[in-house]
Amino acid sequence: MSKKALLALALVAFAAACAPKPEPAPMEPVSTEPTYTGKYK
């Protein structure tokens, strides 16, 4: 690999690492907690 290509690749990797990350959206719970009926209390 030539020095120019290696430098370009390093520059792209550096720019990607320094780019601001998008804020993750708050996730909804996948399932709800089971409601206990008190059968075994």
Protein backbone atom coordinates (compact mmCIF):
# COMPACT_ATOMS: atom_id res chain seq x y z
CA MET A 1 0.00 0.00 0.00
CA SER A 2 1.37 3.41 -0.88
CA LYS A 3 2.01 6.07 1.73
CA LYS A 4 -0.69 8.34 0.25
CA ALA A 5 -3.33 5.61 0.42
CA LEU A 6 -2.34 4.73 3.99
CA LEU A 7 -2.48 8.40 5.00
CA ALA A 8 -5.89 8.82 3.38
CA LEU A 9 -7.21 5.72 5.16
CA ALA A 10 -5.87 6.96 8.51
CA LEU A 11 -7.46 10.38 7.92
CA VAL A 12 -10.85 8.83 7.12
CA ALA A 13 -10.64 6.59 10.19
CA PHE A 14 -9.72 9.58 12.39
CA ALA A 15 -12.59 11.67 11.01
CA ALA A 16 -15.05 8.81 11.57
CA ALA A 17 -13.85 8.34 15.15
CA CYS A 18 -14.17 12.05 15.94
CA ALA A 19 -17.61 12.47 14.36
CA PRO A 20 -20.36 13.19 16.91
CA LYS A 21 -22.34 10.09 17.69
CA PRO A 22 -26.13 10.33 17.23
CA GLU A 23 -28.06 10.23 20.50
CA PRO A 24 -29.63 6.77 20.93
CA ALA A 25 -33.40 6.84 21.19
CA PRO A 26 -34.80 5.66 24.55
CA MET A 27 -35.88 2.07 24.13
CA GLU A 28 -39.33 0.89 25.08
CA PRO A 29 -39.44 -2.27 27.21
CA VAL A 30 -39.74 -5.33 25.01
CA SER A 31 -42.14 -7.10 27.34
CA THR A 32 -43.99 -6.11 30.46
CA GLU A 33 -43.41 -7.68 33.86
CA PRO A 34 -45.82 -10.51 34.64
CA THR A 35 -48.43 -9.61 37.20
CA TYR A 36 -48.54 -12.08 40.06
CA THR A 37 -51.98 -13.19 41.15
CA GLY A 38 -50.86 -14.31 44.61
CA LYS A 39 -51.67 -17.98 43.99
CA TYR A 40 -48.57 -19.21 45.88
CA LYS A 41 -48.41 -16.52 48.59
